[in-house]
Amino acid sequence: QAQLVESGGGLVQPGGSLRLSCAASGFIFSNLAMRWYRQAPGKERELVAQISSGGGTTNYQDSTQGRFTISRDNAKKTVYLQMNSLTPEDAAVYYCHATTRSGSEFWGQGTQVTVSS
């Protein structure tokens, strides 16, 4: 069964860092384009970062450019989101998303990131 499981969320002080992980199972992971989305209370879900199946192409939302880094390890079937210089505006539930070559889409269950002093 295809599944995405996020981990690594938690409470961090402003200016701090977190690394989120998303472990995939039931997929040919190297065929997947991967994305991280986030959704804050009362706001729409928004794309944070994306990475191509081979890892050679990445794109970021303007507000996270230079602070966040998306990466993947196809051998471990895992995608990461390194988040630095976090601000309270980054607080949200972060979701992992996969798109297969046929266009099917899958979501993880989400992991909470709280940024507060």
C-alpha atoms as a PDB file:
ATOM      1  CA  GLN A   1       0.000   0.000   0.000  1.00  0.00           C
ATOM      2  CA  ALA A   2       1.384   3.381  -1.020  1.00  0.00           C
ATOM      3  CA  GLN A   3       2.084   5.548   1.984  1.00  0.00           C
ATOM      4  CA  LEU A   4       3.884   8.745   2.954  1.00  0.00           C
ATOM      5  CA  VAL A   5       4.849   9.287   6.586  1.00  0.00           C
ATOM      6  CA  GLU A   6       6.196  12.613   7.801  1.00  0.00           C
ATOM      7  CA  SER A   7       8.273  13.163  10.910  1.00  0.00           C
ATOM      8  CA  GLY A   8      10.475  15.805  12.470  1.00  0.00           C
ATOM      9  CA  GLY A   9       7.964  18.458  13.388  1.00  0.00           C
ATOM     10  CA  GLY A  10       7.868  20.073  16.787  1.00  0.00           C
ATOM     11  CA  LEU A  11       8.312  23.267  18.759  1.00  0.00           C
ATOM     12  CA  VAL A  12      11.209  25.557  17.908  1.00  0.00           C
ATOM     13  CA  GLN A  13      12.128  29.084  18.903  1.00  0.00           C
ATOM     14  CA  PRO A  14      12.201  31.869  16.328  1.00  0.00           C
ATOM     15  CA  GLY A  15      15.480  31.714  14.443  1.00  0.00           C
ATOM     16  CA  GLY A  16      15.782  27.995  15.048  1.00  0.00           C
ATOM     17  CA  SER A  17      15.920  25.072  12.672  1.00  0.00           C
ATOM     18  CA  LEU A  18      14.067  21.840  12.026  1.00  0.00           C
ATOM     19  CA  ARG A  19      14.461  19.060   9.518  1.00  0.00           C
ATOM     20  CA  LEU A  20      11.353  17.304   8.321  1.00  0.00           C
ATOM     21  CA  SER A  21      11.461  13.853   6.795  1.00  0.00           C
ATOM     22  CA  CYS A  22       8.956  12.035   4.636  1.00  0.00           C
ATOM     23  CA  ALA A  23       9.400   8.302   4.219  1.00  0.00           C
ATOM     24  CA  ALA A  24       7.676   6.675   1.268  1.00  0.00           C
ATOM     25  CA  SER A  25       6.614   3.060   0.952  1.00  0.00           C
ATOM     26  CA  GLY A  26       4.757   1.154  -1.717  1.00  0.00           C
ATOM     27  CA  PHE A  27       6.187   3.353  -4.468  1.00  0.00           C
ATOM     28  CA  ILE A  28       8.962   3.295  -6.987  1.00  0.00           C
ATOM     29  CA  PHE A  29      10.323   6.320  -5.189  1.00  0.00           C
ATOM     30  CA  SER A  30      12.742   7.397  -7.891  1.00  0.00           C
ATOM     31  CA  ASN A  31       9.748   7.940 -10.197  1.00  0.00           C
ATOM     32  CA  LEU A  32       8.064  10.409  -7.861  1.00  0.00           C
ATOM     33  CA  ALA A  33       8.110  14.181  -7.986  1.00  0.00           C
ATOM     34  CA  MET A  34       7.933  15.284  -4.352  1.00  0.00           C
ATOM     35  CA  ARG A  35       6.602  18.417  -2.725  1.00  0.00           C
ATOM     36  CA  TRP A  36       6.202  19.893   0.720  1.00  0.00           C
ATOM     37  CA  TYR A  37       3.067  21.902   1.437  1.00  0.00           C
ATOM     38  CA  ARG A  38       1.982  23.663   4.593  1.00  0.00           C
ATOM     39  CA  GLN A  39      -1.297  24.856   6.021  1.00  0.00           C
ATOM     40  CA  ALA A  40      -1.648  27.327   8.853  1.00  0.00           C
ATOM     41  CA  PRO A  41      -4.920  27.738  10.779  1.00  0.00           C
ATOM     42  CA  GLY A  42      -7.459  29.676   8.744  1.00  0.00           C
ATOM     43  CA  LYS A  43      -5.286  29.682   5.641  1.00  0.00           C
ATOM     44  CA  GLU A  44      -5.202  27.689   2.446  1.00  0.00           C
ATOM     45  CA  ARG A  45      -2.662  24.963   1.918  1.00  0.00           C
ATOM     46  CA  GLU A  46       0.353  26.345   0.082  1.00  0.00           C
ATOM     47  CA  LEU A  47       3.281  24.859  -1.756  1.00  0.00           C
ATOM     48  CA  VAL A  48       6.556  25.306   0.094  1.00  0.00           C
ATOM     49  CA  ALA A  49       9.097  23.459  -2.013  1.00  0.00           C
ATOM     50  CA  GLN A  50       9.339  20.811  -4.705  1.00  0.00           C
ATOM     51  CA  ILE A  51      11.978  18.497  -6.092  1.00  0.00           C
ATOM     52  CA  SER A  52      12.101  16.476  -9.268  1.00  0.00           C
ATOM     53  CA  SER A  53      12.270  12.702  -9.300  1.00  0.00           C
ATOM     54  CA  GLY A  54      16.019  12.675  -9.823  1.00  0.00           C
ATOM     55  CA  GLY A  55      16.652  15.518  -7.426  1.00  0.00           C
ATOM     56  CA  GLY A  56      18.209  17.767 -10.028  1.00  0.00           C
ATOM     57  CA  THR A  57      15.516  20.437 -10.007  1.00  0.00           C
ATOM     58  CA  THR A  58      14.148  22.237  -6.981  1.00  0.00           C
ATOM     59  CA  ASN A  59      11.795  25.155  -6.577  1.00  0.00           C
ATOM     60  CA  TYR A  60      10.736  27.177  -3.558  1.00  0.00           C
ATOM     61  CA  GLN A  61       8.036  29.525  -2.464  1.00  0.00           C
ATOM     62  CA  ASP A  62       9.425  33.067  -2.365  1.00  0.00           C
ATOM     63  CA  SER A  63       9.076  33.372   1.413  1.00  0.00           C
ATOM     64  CA  THR A  64      11.184  30.256   2.020  1.00  0.00           C
ATOM     65  CA  GLN A  65      13.840  30.769  -0.639  1.00  0.00           C
ATOM     66  CA  GLY A  66      17.257  30.844   0.985  1.00  0.00           C
ATOM     67  CA  ARG A  67      15.988  29.496   4.307  1.00  0.00           C
ATOM     68  CA  PHE A  68      14.539  26.111   3.358  1.00  0.00           C
ATOM     69  CA  THR A  69      16.213  23.311   1.441  1.00  0.00           C
ATOM     70  CA  ILE A  70      14.427  20.331  -0.060  1.00  0.00           C
ATOM     71  CA  SER A  71      16.424  17.209  -0.792  1.00  0.00           C
ATOM     72  CA  ARG A  72      15.859  13.519  -1.345  1.00  0.00           C
ATOM     73  CA  ASP A  73      17.617  10.214  -0.860  1.00  0.00           C
ATOM     74  CA  ASN A  74      16.207   7.790  -3.395  1.00  0.00           C
ATOM     75  CA  ALA A  75      18.019   4.865  -1.798  1.00  0.00           C
ATOM     76  CA  LYS A  76      16.246   5.578   1.499  1.00  0.00           C
ATOM     77  CA  LYS A  77      12.983   6.534  -0.226  1.00  0.00           C
ATOM     78  CA  THR A  78      12.910   9.704   1.806  1.00  0.00           C
ATOM     79  CA  VAL A  79      12.511  13.383   1.082  1.00  0.00           C
ATOM     80  CA  TYR A  80      13.675  16.059   3.502  1.00  0.00           C
ATOM     81  CA  LEU A  81      12.923  19.673   4.219  1.00  0.00           C
ATOM     82  CA  GLN A  82      15.641  21.518   6.105  1.00  0.00           C
ATOM     83  CA  MET A  83      14.163  24.668   7.597  1.00  0.00           C
ATOM     84  CA  ASN A  84      16.415  27.377   8.975  1.00  0.00           C
ATOM     85  CA  SER A  85      15.784  30.839  10.419  1.00  0.00           C
ATOM     86  CA  LEU A  86      12.235  29.906  11.285  1.00  0.00           C
ATOM     87  CA  THR A  87       9.725  32.620  12.075  1.00  0.00           C
ATOM     88  CA  PRO A  88       6.250  32.434  13.613  1.00  0.00           C
ATOM     89  CA  GLU A  89       4.889  32.819  10.059  1.00  0.00           C
ATOM     90  CA  ASP A  90       6.347  29.401   9.241  1.00  0.00           C
ATOM     91  CA  ALA A  91       4.194  27.691  11.865  1.00  0.00           C
ATOM     92  CA  ALA A  92       1.813  25.273  10.187  1.00  0.00           C
ATOM     93  CA  VAL A  93       1.066  21.650   9.537  1.00  0.00           C
ATOM     94  CA  TYR A  94       3.545  20.485   6.916  1.00  0.00           C
ATOM     95  CA  TYR A  95       2.465  17.866   4.407  1.00  0.00           C
ATOM     96  CA  CYS A  96       4.454  15.651   2.120  1.00  0.00           C
ATOM     97  CA  HIS A  97       3.020  15.145  -1.375  1.00  0.00           C
ATOM     98  CA  ALA A  98       3.954  12.766  -4.163  1.00  0.00           C
ATOM     99  CA  THR A  99       3.017  12.699  -7.810  1.00  0.00           C
ATOM    100  CA  THR A 100       3.578   9.568  -9.859  1.00  0.00           C
ATOM    101  CA  ARG A 101       4.470   9.542 -13.533  1.00  0.00           C
ATOM    102  CA  SER A 102       0.850   8.677 -14.344  1.00  0.00           C
ATOM    103  CA  GLY A 103      -0.351  11.725 -12.431  1.00  0.00           C
ATOM    104  CA  SER A 104      -1.674  10.026  -9.314  1.00  0.00           C
ATOM    105  CA  GLU A 105      -1.254  12.070  -6.167  1.00  0.00           C
ATOM    106  CA  PHE A 106      -0.642  11.016  -2.591  1.00  0.00           C
ATOM    107  CA  TRP A 107      -0.499  12.917   0.690  1.00  0.00           C
ATOM    108  CA  GLY A 108       1.046  12.247   4.038  1.00  0.00           C
ATOM    109  CA  GLN A 109      -0.799  12.806   7.286  1.00  0.00           C
ATOM    110  CA  GLY A 110       1.104  15.976   8.153  1.00  0.00           C
ATOM    111  CA  THR A 111       3.471  17.043  10.899  1.00  0.00           C
ATOM    112  CA  GLN A 112       2.997  20.090  13.098  1.00  0.00           C
ATOM    113  CA  VAL A 113       5.622  22.822  13.205  1.00  0.00           C
ATOM    114  CA  THR A 114       5.248  25.405  15.951  1.00  0.00           C
ATOM    115  CA  VAL A 115       7.524  28.439  16.121  1.00  0.00           C
ATOM    116  CA  SER A 116       7.288  30.239  19.413  1.00  0.00           C
ATOM    117  CA  SER A 117       9.429  31.619  22.185  1.00  0.00           C
END
